[in-house]
Amino acid sequence: EKIDSLSTRLEKKSRIQPPEPDEEVKKLRAEVTALAVEAESAIAVRLSSAFETLCAYCAENMIDTPRDFMAGLVCQLESTARSLRSTFDLPDEPTGNAAPSWLTEPTPQINGLEA
């Protein structure tokens, strides 16, 4: 009876397969994309709105707009983006090519070896 129970459990386990690696990559890419969209939204919407509010306040109160302060904040964001690019050895722009370079580059010619 114990052997039958173990055999049944083993059979059930073998039917449960982990997701294919491609499915995991899809899930991870979706999560990473969501994070990137959230970060972009924080910059494009929230920070832009905050800058507009700051500029409006300064204009209403006849105060010079702290453009140097604002530029410093943008520089910090750019520095963070450059750091990510450097850490993960990312190109400045996407190449649009999903194939690795070793696969798409022409085959090198070897001089002096003739058959």
N, C-alpha and C. Protein backbone atom coordinates (compact mmCIF):
# COMPACT_ATOMS: atom_id res chain seq x y z
N GLU A 1 0.83 -1.20 0.00
CA GLU A 1 0.00 0.00 0.00
C GLU A 1 0.87 1.26 0.00
N LYS A 2 1.94 1.23 0.80
CA LYS A 2 2.84 2.38 0.85
C LYS A 2 3.53 2.58 -0.51
N ILE A 3 3.90 1.48 -1.15
CA ILE A 3 4.55 1.56 -2.46
C ILE A 3 3.58 2.14 -3.48
N ASP A 4 2.33 1.71 -3.42
CA ASP A 4 1.33 2.26 -4.34
C ASP A 4 1.16 3.76 -4.13
N SER A 5 1.15 4.16 -2.87
CA SER A 5 1.00 5.59 -2.56
C SER A 5 2.18 6.38 -3.10
N LEU A 6 3.39 5.88 -2.89
CA LEU A 6 4.58 6.55 -3.40
C LEU A 6 4.59 6.57 -4.93
N SER A 7 4.18 5.47 -5.52
CA SER A 7 4.13 5.39 -6.98
C SER A 7 3.14 6.40 -7.54
N THR A 8 1.99 6.53 -6.90
CA THR A 8 0.97 7.49 -7.34
C THR A 8 1.48 8.91 -7.20
N ARG A 9 2.13 9.21 -6.08
CA ARG A 9 2.67 10.56 -5.87
C ARG A 9 3.76 10.87 -6.90
N LEU A 10 4.62 9.91 -7.18
CA LEU A 10 5.68 10.11 -8.17
C LEU A 10 5.08 10.36 -9.56
N GLU A 11 4.03 9.61 -9.88
CA GLU A 11 3.37 9.79 -11.18
C GLU A 11 2.76 11.19 -11.28
N LYS A 12 2.15 11.66 -10.20
CA LYS A 12 1.57 13.01 -10.19
C LYS A 12 2.65 14.07 -10.34
N LYS A 13 3.77 13.86 -9.66
CA LYS A 13 4.87 14.83 -9.75
C LYS A 13 5.41 14.92 -11.17
N SER A 14 5.52 13.78 -11.84
CA SER A 14 6.10 13.79 -13.18
C SER A 14 5.18 14.49 -14.18
N ARG A 15 3.88 14.57 -13.87
CA ARG A 15 2.95 15.27 -14.75
C ARG A 15 3.04 16.79 -14.60
N ILE A 16 3.51 17.21 -13.47
CA ILE A 16 3.64 18.64 -13.21
C ILE A 16 5.00 19.08 -13.70
N GLN A 17 4.99 19.83 -14.77
CA GLN A 17 6.24 20.29 -15.36
C GLN A 17 6.43 21.78 -15.08
N PRO A 18 7.66 22.18 -14.83
CA PRO A 18 7.90 23.63 -14.68
C PRO A 18 7.65 24.32 -16.01
N PRO A 19 7.34 25.60 -15.97
CA PRO A 19 7.11 26.30 -17.24
C PRO A 19 8.36 26.27 -18.11
N GLU A 20 8.14 26.30 -19.39
CA GLU A 20 9.25 26.34 -20.33
C GLU A 20 10.05 27.62 -20.09
N PRO A 21 11.37 27.59 -20.32
CA PRO A 21 12.19 28.80 -20.11
C PRO A 21 11.67 30.01 -20.88
N ASP A 22 11.15 29.81 -22.09
CA ASP A 22 10.63 30.93 -22.88
C ASP A 22 9.47 31.60 -22.16
N GLU A 23 8.64 30.82 -21.48
CA GLU A 23 7.52 31.39 -20.73
C GLU A 23 8.03 32.22 -19.56
N GLU A 24 9.07 31.73 -18.90
CA GLU A 24 9.66 32.48 -17.78
C GLU A 24 10.23 33.80 -18.27
N VAL A 25 10.91 33.77 -19.41
CA VAL A 25 11.48 35.00 -19.98
C VAL A 25 10.37 35.99 -20.29
N LYS A 26 9.27 35.50 -20.84
CA LYS A 26 8.14 36.38 -21.15
C LYS A 26 7.61 37.04 -19.89
N LYS A 27 7.47 36.26 -18.83
CA LYS A 27 6.98 36.80 -17.56
C LYS A 27 7.95 37.84 -17.00
N LEU A 28 9.24 37.52 -17.02
CA LEU A 28 10.25 38.45 -16.51
C LEU A 28 10.28 39.73 -17.33
N ARG A 29 10.19 39.60 -18.65
CA ARG A 29 10.18 40.80 -19.51
C ARG A 29 8.96 41.66 -19.21
N ALA A 30 7.82 41.03 -18.97
CA ALA A 30 6.61 41.79 -18.64
C ALA A 30 6.80 42.56 -17.34
N GLU A 31 7.41 41.93 -16.34
CA GLU A 31 7.66 42.59 -15.06
C GLU A 31 8.63 43.76 -15.23
N VAL A 32 9.71 43.53 -15.97
CA VAL A 32 10.70 44.58 -16.20
C VAL A 32 10.09 45.73 -16.98
N THR A 33 9.27 45.41 -17.97
CA THR A 33 8.59 46.45 -18.76
C THR A 33 7.68 47.28 -17.87
N ALA A 34 6.95 46.63 -16.99
CA ALA A 34 6.06 47.35 -16.07
C ALA A 34 6.85 48.32 -15.19
N LEU A 35 8.00 47.88 -14.71
CA LEU A 35 8.85 48.76 -13.89
C LEU A 35 9.36 49.94 -14.70
N ALA A 36 9.77 49.68 -15.94
CA ALA A 36 10.28 50.76 -16.79
C ALA A 36 9.18 51.77 -17.11
N VAL A 37 7.98 51.29 -17.39
CA VAL A 37 6.85 52.18 -17.68
C VAL A 37 6.52 53.03 -16.45
N GLU A 38 6.57 52.41 -15.29
CA GLU A 38 6.32 53.14 -14.04
C GLU A 38 7.36 54.23 -13.82
N ALA A 39 8.63 53.91 -14.07
CA ALA A 39 9.70 54.89 -13.91
C ALA A 39 9.55 56.02 -14.92
N GLU A 40 9.26 55.67 -16.17
CA GLU A 40 9.08 56.69 -17.21
C GLU A 40 7.90 57.60 -16.87
N SER A 41 6.84 57.01 -16.37
CA SER A 41 5.66 57.79 -15.99
C SER A 41 5.99 58.74 -14.85
N ALA A 42 6.77 58.26 -13.90
CA ALA A 42 7.16 59.12 -12.77
C ALA A 42 7.93 60.34 -13.26
N ILE A 43 8.75 60.15 -14.28
CA ILE A 43 9.53 61.27 -14.82
C ILE A 43 8.66 62.14 -15.72
N ALA A 44 8.01 61.51 -16.69
CA ALA A 44 7.27 62.27 -17.70
C ALA A 44 6.04 62.96 -17.14
N VAL A 45 5.40 62.37 -16.16
CA VAL A 45 4.17 62.95 -15.64
C VAL A 45 4.39 63.64 -14.30
N ARG A 46 4.86 62.90 -13.33
CA ARG A 46 4.94 63.45 -11.98
C ARG A 46 6.01 64.52 -11.85
N LEU A 47 7.23 64.24 -12.35
CA LEU A 47 8.30 65.23 -12.22
C LEU A 47 8.00 66.45 -13.09
N SER A 48 7.49 66.21 -14.28
CA SER A 48 7.12 67.32 -15.16
C SER A 48 6.06 68.20 -14.50
N SER A 49 5.08 67.58 -13.89
CA SER A 49 4.03 68.33 -13.18
C SER A 49 4.61 69.11 -12.01
N ALA A 50 5.54 68.49 -11.30
CA ALA A 50 6.18 69.18 -10.17
C ALA A 50 6.99 70.37 -10.67
N PHE A 51 7.70 70.21 -11.79
CA PHE A 51 8.44 71.34 -12.37
C PHE A 51 7.48 72.46 -12.77
N GLU A 52 6.35 72.10 -13.38
CA GLU A 52 5.36 73.11 -13.78
C GLU A 52 4.83 73.86 -12.56
N THR A 53 4.55 73.13 -11.49
CA THR A 53 4.06 73.76 -10.26
C THR A 53 5.11 74.70 -9.69
N LEU A 54 6.36 74.27 -9.68
CA LEU A 54 7.45 75.10 -9.18
C LEU A 54 7.60 76.36 -10.03
N CYS A 55 7.57 76.21 -11.35
CA CYS A 55 7.69 77.36 -12.25
C CYS A 55 6.52 78.33 -12.07
N ALA A 56 5.31 77.80 -11.93
CA ALA A 56 4.13 78.65 -11.74
C ALA A 56 4.23 79.42 -10.43
N TYR A 57 4.66 78.75 -9.37
CA TYR A 57 4.81 79.42 -8.08
C TYR A 57 5.83 80.55 -8.17
N CYS A 58 6.94 80.25 -8.81
CA CYS A 58 7.99 81.26 -8.95
C CYS A 58 7.49 82.45 -9.77
N ALA A 59 6.74 82.18 -10.84
CA ALA A 59 6.21 83.27 -11.68
C ALA A 59 5.22 84.12 -10.90
N GLU A 60 4.33 83.48 -10.15
CA GLU A 60 3.32 84.21 -9.37
C GLU A 60 3.96 85.09 -8.30
N ASN A 61 5.05 84.62 -7.74
CA ASN A 61 5.69 85.34 -6.65
C ASN A 61 6.91 86.13 -7.10
N MET A 62 7.07 86.26 -8.41
CA MET A 62 8.18 87.01 -9.00
C MET A 62 9.53 86.58 -8.43
N ILE A 63 9.70 85.27 -8.40
CA ILE A 63 10.95 84.66 -7.94
C ILE A 63 11.60 84.02 -9.16
N ASP A 64 12.91 84.11 -9.24
CA ASP A 64 13.60 83.45 -10.36
C ASP A 64 13.36 81.94 -10.28
N THR A 65 13.05 81.37 -11.41
CA THR A 65 12.85 79.92 -11.47
C THR A 65 14.20 79.24 -11.22
N PRO A 66 14.23 78.28 -10.29
CA PRO A 66 15.51 77.63 -9.97
C PRO A 66 15.91 76.60 -11.03
N ARG A 67 16.26 77.12 -12.20
CA ARG A 67 16.60 76.23 -13.32
C ARG A 67 17.84 75.38 -13.02
N ASP A 68 18.78 75.93 -12.26
CA ASP A 68 19.98 75.17 -11.92
C ASP A 68 19.60 73.96 -11.05
N PHE A 69 18.71 74.18 -10.11
CA PHE A 69 18.21 73.10 -9.25
C PHE A 69 17.51 72.03 -10.10
N MET A 70 16.65 72.49 -11.01
CA MET A 70 15.92 71.57 -11.88
C MET A 70 16.89 70.80 -12.78
N ALA A 71 17.88 71.49 -13.32
CA ALA A 71 18.88 70.85 -14.17
C ALA A 71 19.65 69.79 -13.38
N GLY A 72 19.93 70.09 -12.12
CA GLY A 72 20.63 69.12 -11.27
C GLY A 72 19.84 67.84 -11.08
N LEU A 73 18.53 67.99 -10.92
CA LEU A 73 17.68 66.81 -10.77
C LEU A 73 17.67 65.97 -12.05
N VAL A 74 17.58 66.65 -13.19
CA VAL A 74 17.59 65.94 -14.48
C VAL A 74 18.96 65.28 -14.69
N CYS A 75 20.03 65.97 -14.31
CA CYS A 75 21.38 65.38 -14.43
C CYS A 75 21.49 64.10 -13.60
N GLN A 76 20.89 64.11 -12.42
CA GLN A 76 20.92 62.92 -11.57
C GLN A 76 20.21 61.75 -12.25
N LEU A 77 19.07 62.04 -12.87
CA LEU A 77 18.35 60.99 -13.60
C LEU A 77 19.18 60.46 -14.77
N GLU A 78 19.80 61.38 -15.50
CA GLU A 78 20.65 60.97 -16.63
C GLU A 78 21.84 60.15 -16.15
N SER A 79 22.41 60.53 -15.02
CA SER A 79 23.54 59.79 -14.47
C SER A 79 23.12 58.38 -14.08
N THR A 80 21.94 58.27 -13.50
CA THR A 80 21.42 56.95 -13.13
C THR A 80 21.20 56.09 -14.36
N ALA A 81 20.66 56.68 -15.42
CA ALA A 81 20.44 55.94 -16.67
C ALA A 81 21.78 55.49 -17.27
N ARG A 82 22.78 56.38 -17.25
CA ARG A 82 24.11 56.01 -17.78
C ARG A 82 24.73 54.89 -16.95
N SER A 83 24.50 54.93 -15.64
CA SER A 83 25.03 53.89 -14.77
C SER A 83 24.41 52.53 -15.10
N LEU A 84 23.11 52.51 -15.34
CA LEU A 84 22.45 51.26 -15.75
C LEU A 84 23.03 50.76 -17.07
N ARG A 85 23.21 51.69 -18.01
CA ARG A 85 23.75 51.34 -19.32
C ARG A 85 25.15 50.73 -19.16
N SER A 86 25.96 51.32 -18.29
CA SER A 86 27.32 50.84 -18.06
C SER A 86 27.32 49.49 -17.33
N THR A 87 26.52 49.38 -16.30
CA THR A 87 26.47 48.15 -15.50
C THR A 87 26.11 46.94 -16.35
N PHE A 88 25.17 47.12 -17.26
CA PHE A 88 24.69 46.00 -18.06
C PHE A 88 25.22 46.01 -19.49
N ASP A 89 26.23 46.86 -19.75
CA ASP A 89 26.89 46.94 -21.05
C ASP A 89 25.88 47.08 -22.19
N LEU A 90 25.00 48.07 -22.04
CA LEU A 90 23.93 48.30 -23.01
C LEU A 90 24.36 49.32 -24.06
N PRO A 91 23.94 49.11 -25.31
CA PRO A 91 24.26 50.10 -26.35
C PRO A 91 23.46 51.38 -26.12
N ASP A 92 23.88 52.47 -26.77
CA ASP A 92 23.17 53.75 -26.63
C ASP A 92 21.76 53.68 -27.19
N GLU A 93 21.57 52.88 -28.20
CA GLU A 93 20.25 52.71 -28.81
C GLU A 93 20.04 51.23 -29.10
N PRO A 94 18.79 50.77 -29.06
CA PRO A 94 18.56 49.37 -29.42
C PRO A 94 18.92 49.13 -30.88
N THR A 95 19.47 47.97 -31.15
CA THR A 95 19.88 47.66 -32.52
C THR A 95 18.73 47.11 -33.34
N GLY A 96 17.69 46.66 -32.68
CA GLY A 96 16.56 46.08 -33.39
C GLY A 96 16.83 44.68 -33.87
N ASN A 97 17.94 44.11 -33.44
CA ASN A 97 18.33 42.78 -33.86
C ASN A 97 18.34 41.86 -32.65
N ALA A 98 17.50 40.85 -32.65
CA ALA A 98 17.44 39.93 -31.52
C ALA A 98 18.55 38.88 -31.57
N ALA A 99 19.16 38.70 -32.72
CA ALA A 99 20.22 37.70 -32.87
C ALA A 99 21.54 38.27 -32.34
N PRO A 100 22.34 37.44 -31.67
CA PRO A 100 23.64 37.91 -31.18
C PRO A 100 24.57 38.25 -32.35
N SER A 101 25.50 39.17 -32.10
CA SER A 101 26.39 39.64 -33.17
C SER A 101 27.23 38.51 -33.76
N TRP A 102 27.64 37.53 -32.95
CA TRP A 102 28.47 36.45 -33.47
C TRP A 102 27.72 35.63 -34.51
N LEU A 103 26.38 35.68 -34.45
CA LEU A 103 25.58 34.93 -35.39
C LEU A 103 25.35 35.70 -36.68
N THR A 104 25.34 37.02 -36.59
CA THR A 104 25.02 37.84 -37.76
C THR A 104 26.23 38.40 -38.48
N GLU A 105 27.39 38.40 -37.83
CA GLU A 105 28.60 38.92 -38.47
C GLU A 105 29.09 37.96 -39.55
N PRO A 106 29.71 38.48 -40.59
CA PRO A 106 30.21 37.58 -41.65
C PRO A 106 31.30 36.66 -41.12
N THR A 107 31.41 35.51 -41.75
CA THR A 107 32.45 34.55 -41.38
C THR A 107 33.81 35.13 -41.72
N PRO A 108 34.75 35.11 -40.77
CA PRO A 108 36.07 35.68 -41.08
C PRO A 108 36.82 34.83 -42.10
N GLN A 109 37.60 35.50 -42.92
CA GLN A 109 38.43 34.81 -43.92
C GLN A 109 39.77 34.49 -43.29
N ILE A 110 40.20 33.27 -43.44
CA ILE A 110 41.50 32.86 -42.90
C ILE A 110 42.47 32.78 -44.07
N ASN A 111 43.48 33.64 -44.04
CA ASN A 111 44.46 33.69 -45.14
C ASN A 111 45.48 32.57 -45.02
N GLY A 112 45.89 32.05 -46.16
CA GLY A 112 46.96 31.06 -46.19
C GLY A 112 46.49 29.63 -46.07
N LEU A 113 45.23 29.41 -45.85
CA LEU A 113 44.73 28.05 -45.75
C LEU A 113 43.85 27.76 -46.97
N GLU A 114 44.44 27.14 -47.95
CA GLU A 114 43.69 26.79 -49.15
C GLU A 114 43.67 25.29 -49.30
N ALA A 115 42.53 24.78 -49.67
CA ALA A 115 42.39 23.33 -49.80
C ALA A 115 42.65 22.86 -51.20
